N, C-alpha and C. Protein backbone atom coordinates (compact mmCIF):
# COMPACT_ATOMS: atom_id res chain seq x y z
N UNK A 1 0.84 -1.18 0.00
CA UNK A 1 0.00 0.00 0.00
C UNK A 1 0.88 1.25 0.00
N UNK A 2 0.57 2.23 -0.84
CA UNK A 2 1.37 3.45 -0.87
C UNK A 2 1.14 4.32 0.36
N UNK A 3 2.13 5.13 0.65
CA UNK A 3 2.05 6.10 1.73
C UNK A 3 1.84 7.47 1.12
N UNK A 4 0.83 8.18 1.58
CA UNK A 4 0.52 9.51 1.09
C UNK A 4 0.83 10.54 2.16
N UNK A 5 1.27 11.73 1.70
CA UNK A 5 1.55 12.83 2.61
C UNK A 5 0.34 13.75 2.63
N UNK A 6 -0.11 14.08 3.82
CA UNK A 6 -1.22 15.01 4.02
C UNK A 6 -0.73 16.17 4.86
N UNK A 7 -1.46 17.28 4.82
CA UNK A 7 -1.18 18.40 5.70
C UNK A 7 -2.49 18.98 6.19
N UNK A 8 -2.42 19.56 7.39
CA UNK A 8 -3.60 20.20 7.95
C UNK A 8 -3.88 21.50 7.21
N UNK A 9 -5.13 21.88 7.17
CA UNK A 9 -5.54 23.15 6.56
C UNK A 9 -5.78 24.13 7.70
N UNK A 10 -4.95 25.17 7.81
CA UNK A 10 -5.10 26.11 8.92
C UNK A 10 -6.50 26.73 8.94
N UNK A 11 -7.08 26.79 10.11
CA UNK A 11 -8.42 27.36 10.27
C UNK A 11 -8.39 28.80 10.75
N UNK A 12 -7.20 29.26 11.17
CA UNK A 12 -7.03 30.63 11.64
C UNK A 12 -5.77 31.22 11.02
N UNK A 13 -5.75 32.51 10.75
CA UNK A 13 -4.54 33.14 10.22
C UNK A 13 -3.36 32.92 11.15
N UNK A 14 -2.24 32.54 10.58
CA UNK A 14 -1.03 32.34 11.36
C UNK A 14 -0.92 30.95 11.99
N UNK A 15 -1.95 30.12 11.86
CA UNK A 15 -1.90 28.77 12.43
C UNK A 15 -0.88 27.95 11.64
N UNK A 16 -0.17 27.06 12.34
CA UNK A 16 0.86 26.26 11.69
C UNK A 16 0.24 25.10 10.92
N UNK A 17 0.93 24.69 9.87
CA UNK A 17 0.54 23.55 9.06
C UNK A 17 1.35 22.36 9.53
N UNK A 18 0.70 21.23 9.73
CA UNK A 18 1.39 20.02 10.15
C UNK A 18 1.25 18.98 9.05
N UNK A 19 2.38 18.36 8.70
CA UNK A 19 2.36 17.31 7.69
C UNK A 19 2.51 15.95 8.35
N UNK A 20 1.89 14.93 7.75
CA UNK A 20 1.97 13.56 8.27
C UNK A 20 1.72 12.60 7.13
N UNK A 21 2.03 11.33 7.35
CA UNK A 21 1.87 10.31 6.33
C UNK A 21 0.80 9.31 6.75
N UNK A 22 0.06 8.81 5.74
CA UNK A 22 -0.95 7.79 5.97
C UNK A 22 -0.85 6.77 4.85
N UNK A 23 -0.87 5.49 5.21
CA UNK A 23 -0.91 4.43 4.20
C UNK A 23 -2.35 4.20 3.80
N UNK A 24 -2.59 4.21 2.47
CA UNK A 24 -3.92 4.01 1.93
C UNK A 24 -3.82 3.20 0.65
N UNK A 25 -4.91 2.56 0.30
CA UNK A 25 -4.99 1.89 -0.99
C UNK A 25 -5.06 2.96 -2.07
N UNK A 26 -4.54 2.64 -3.25
CA UNK A 26 -4.63 3.58 -4.37
C UNK A 26 -6.08 3.79 -4.79
N UNK A 27 -6.95 2.88 -4.43
CA UNK A 27 -8.37 2.99 -4.78
C UNK A 27 -9.14 3.90 -3.83
N UNK A 28 -8.57 4.18 -2.66
CA UNK A 28 -9.25 5.03 -1.67
C UNK A 28 -9.29 6.48 -2.13
N UNK A 29 -10.38 7.15 -1.84
CA UNK A 29 -10.48 8.59 -2.09
C UNK A 29 -9.56 9.31 -1.10
N UNK A 30 -9.01 10.48 -1.48
CA UNK A 30 -8.20 11.25 -0.53
C UNK A 30 -9.02 11.61 0.70
N UNK A 31 -8.37 11.60 1.86
CA UNK A 31 -9.04 11.98 3.10
C UNK A 31 -9.27 13.49 3.10
N UNK A 32 -10.30 13.93 3.79
CA UNK A 32 -10.58 15.36 3.92
C UNK A 32 -10.49 15.81 5.37
N UNK A 33 -10.51 14.86 6.31
CA UNK A 33 -10.34 15.19 7.73
C UNK A 33 -9.36 14.19 8.35
N UNK A 34 -8.63 14.65 9.35
CA UNK A 34 -7.68 13.80 10.06
C UNK A 34 -8.46 12.67 10.75
N UNK A 35 -8.03 11.42 10.58
CA UNK A 35 -8.80 10.30 11.13
C UNK A 35 -8.91 10.30 12.66
N UNK A 36 -7.98 10.95 13.36
CA UNK A 36 -8.02 10.95 14.83
C UNK A 36 -8.60 12.23 15.41
N UNK A 37 -8.33 13.38 14.76
CA UNK A 37 -8.73 14.66 15.35
C UNK A 37 -9.91 15.32 14.65
N UNK A 38 -10.19 14.93 13.39
CA UNK A 38 -11.27 15.55 12.65
C UNK A 38 -10.88 16.88 12.02
N UNK A 39 -9.62 17.28 12.16
CA UNK A 39 -9.12 18.53 11.58
C UNK A 39 -9.16 18.43 10.05
N UNK A 40 -9.57 19.48 9.34
CA UNK A 40 -9.55 19.45 7.87
C UNK A 40 -8.12 19.25 7.35
N UNK A 41 -7.97 18.38 6.35
CA UNK A 41 -6.66 18.08 5.77
C UNK A 41 -6.77 18.02 4.25
N UNK A 42 -5.60 18.05 3.59
CA UNK A 42 -5.52 17.86 2.15
C UNK A 42 -4.30 17.00 1.84
N UNK A 43 -4.42 16.23 0.76
CA UNK A 43 -3.30 15.37 0.35
C UNK A 43 -2.32 16.20 -0.47
N UNK A 44 -1.05 15.99 -0.23
CA UNK A 44 0.02 16.70 -0.92
C UNK A 44 0.51 15.84 -2.08
N UNK A 45 0.62 16.42 -3.25
CA UNK A 45 1.18 15.73 -4.41
C UNK A 45 2.62 16.19 -4.52
N UNK A 46 3.55 15.25 -4.28
CA UNK A 46 4.95 15.65 -4.20
C UNK A 46 5.72 15.42 -5.49
N UNK A 47 5.15 14.79 -6.47
CA UNK A 47 5.84 14.58 -7.72
C UNK A 47 6.83 13.43 -7.70
N UNK A 48 6.73 12.54 -6.74
CA UNK A 48 7.56 11.35 -6.74
C UNK A 48 8.93 11.55 -6.12
N UNK A 49 9.10 12.51 -5.26
CA UNK A 49 10.38 12.75 -4.61
C UNK A 49 10.89 11.45 -4.00
N UNK A 50 12.13 11.12 -4.25
CA UNK A 50 12.74 9.94 -3.66
C UNK A 50 12.54 8.68 -4.47
N UNK A 51 11.84 8.74 -5.59
CA UNK A 51 11.61 7.54 -6.37
C UNK A 51 12.65 7.33 -7.46
N UNK A 52 13.34 8.37 -7.87
CA UNK A 52 14.35 8.23 -8.91
C UNK A 52 15.49 7.39 -8.38
N UNK A 53 15.79 6.32 -9.05
CA UNK A 53 16.89 5.45 -8.65
C UNK A 53 16.54 4.51 -7.52
N UNK A 54 15.29 4.48 -7.08
CA UNK A 54 14.90 3.60 -5.98
C UNK A 54 15.06 2.14 -6.40
N UNK A 55 15.65 1.36 -5.55
CA UNK A 55 15.85 -0.08 -5.75
C UNK A 55 16.67 -0.41 -6.99
N UNK A 56 17.48 0.50 -7.46
CA UNK A 56 18.29 0.22 -8.63
C UNK A 56 19.77 0.18 -8.27
N UNK A 57 20.09 0.52 -7.04
CA UNK A 57 21.48 0.54 -6.63
C UNK A 57 22.18 1.83 -6.99
N UNK A 58 21.48 2.75 -7.65
CA UNK A 58 22.08 4.03 -8.00
C UNK A 58 21.79 5.04 -6.91
N UNK A 59 22.71 5.95 -6.70
CA UNK A 59 22.44 7.02 -5.76
C UNK A 59 21.67 8.12 -6.48
N UNK A 60 21.13 9.05 -5.71
CA UNK A 60 20.38 10.14 -6.32
C UNK A 60 21.27 11.01 -7.19
N UNK A 61 22.59 11.03 -6.93
CA UNK A 61 23.50 11.83 -7.75
C UNK A 61 23.61 11.27 -9.15
N UNK A 62 23.41 9.96 -9.33
CA UNK A 62 23.54 9.38 -10.66
C UNK A 62 22.23 9.35 -11.42
N UNK A 63 21.18 9.80 -10.79
CA UNK A 63 19.87 9.83 -11.46
C UNK A 63 19.86 10.93 -12.50
N UNK A 64 19.00 10.78 -13.48
CA UNK A 64 18.90 11.77 -14.55
C UNK A 64 18.49 13.12 -13.98
N UNK A 65 19.04 14.21 -14.51
CA UNK A 65 18.66 15.54 -14.00
C UNK A 65 17.20 15.84 -14.33
N UNK A 66 16.62 16.68 -13.51
CA UNK A 66 15.21 17.07 -13.73
C UNK A 66 15.10 17.87 -15.00
N UNK A 67 14.02 17.65 -15.74
CA UNK A 67 13.78 18.40 -16.97
C UNK A 67 13.14 19.73 -16.64
N UNK A 68 13.42 20.70 -17.48
CA UNK A 68 12.76 21.99 -17.35
C UNK A 68 11.30 21.80 -17.71
N UNK A 69 10.39 22.46 -17.02
CA UNK A 69 8.97 22.30 -17.36
C UNK A 69 8.69 22.85 -18.75
N UNK A 70 7.86 22.13 -19.49
CA UNK A 70 7.46 22.65 -20.80
C UNK A 70 6.42 23.72 -20.58
N UNK A 71 6.27 24.57 -21.53
CA UNK A 71 5.29 25.65 -21.42
C UNK A 71 4.00 25.22 -22.07
N UNK A 72 3.43 24.12 -21.61
CA UNK A 72 2.21 23.63 -22.24
C UNK A 72 1.00 24.36 -21.67
N UNK A 73 0.01 24.47 -22.45
CA UNK A 73 -1.22 25.13 -22.03
C UNK A 73 -2.36 24.14 -22.15
N UNK A 74 -2.44 23.22 -21.25
CA UNK A 74 -3.58 22.33 -21.20
C UNK A 74 -3.32 20.92 -21.67
N UNK A 75 -3.09 20.69 -22.94
CA UNK A 75 -3.16 19.37 -23.51
C UNK A 75 -1.97 18.46 -23.26
N UNK A 76 -0.85 18.93 -22.89
CA UNK A 76 0.32 18.08 -22.73
C UNK A 76 1.26 18.30 -23.90
N UNK A 77 2.52 18.19 -23.64
CA UNK A 77 3.50 18.46 -24.68
C UNK A 77 3.76 19.95 -24.76
N UNK A 78 4.64 20.31 -25.65
CA UNK A 78 5.03 21.72 -25.79
C UNK A 78 3.93 22.51 -26.50
N UNK A 79 3.92 23.78 -26.23
CA UNK A 79 2.91 24.66 -26.85
C UNK A 79 3.30 25.07 -28.27
N UNK A 80 4.49 24.64 -28.70
CA UNK A 80 4.93 25.00 -30.04
C UNK A 80 5.38 26.45 -30.16
N UNK A 81 5.66 27.07 -29.03
CA UNK A 81 6.11 28.46 -29.04
C UNK A 81 4.98 29.46 -29.01
N UNK A 82 3.74 29.01 -28.93
CA UNK A 82 2.61 29.94 -28.97
C UNK A 82 2.52 30.83 -27.73
N UNK A 83 3.23 30.45 -26.67
CA UNK A 83 3.20 31.28 -25.47
C UNK A 83 4.34 32.30 -25.46
N UNK A 84 5.14 32.28 -26.52
CA UNK A 84 6.23 33.24 -26.61
C UNK A 84 7.55 32.69 -26.09
N UNK A 85 7.56 31.44 -25.67
CA UNK A 85 8.80 30.85 -25.17
C UNK A 85 9.71 30.49 -26.33
N UNK A 86 10.99 30.38 -26.07
CA UNK A 86 11.92 29.95 -27.13
C UNK A 86 12.52 28.63 -26.69
N UNK A 87 12.45 27.65 -27.55
CA UNK A 87 12.95 26.29 -27.22
C UNK A 87 14.23 26.02 -27.92
């Protein structure tokens, strides 16, 4: 079962955000409240941090460098320069 990172949603200005992990099935809907306290929460999408090179014997230094984000507008892939970017 995967482990998901959640954080509390501050209910007052200046309140601190607390992050924690919960193991859930991939089929489960994201939680909206903390299972023990009832505090409103949201799931954090981290982009797979720590997965590059996992179980391959490679260190993170030997993993491929991160790609620059493409300037896509909706559909995926490059915008073809329509946003004014130069590739």
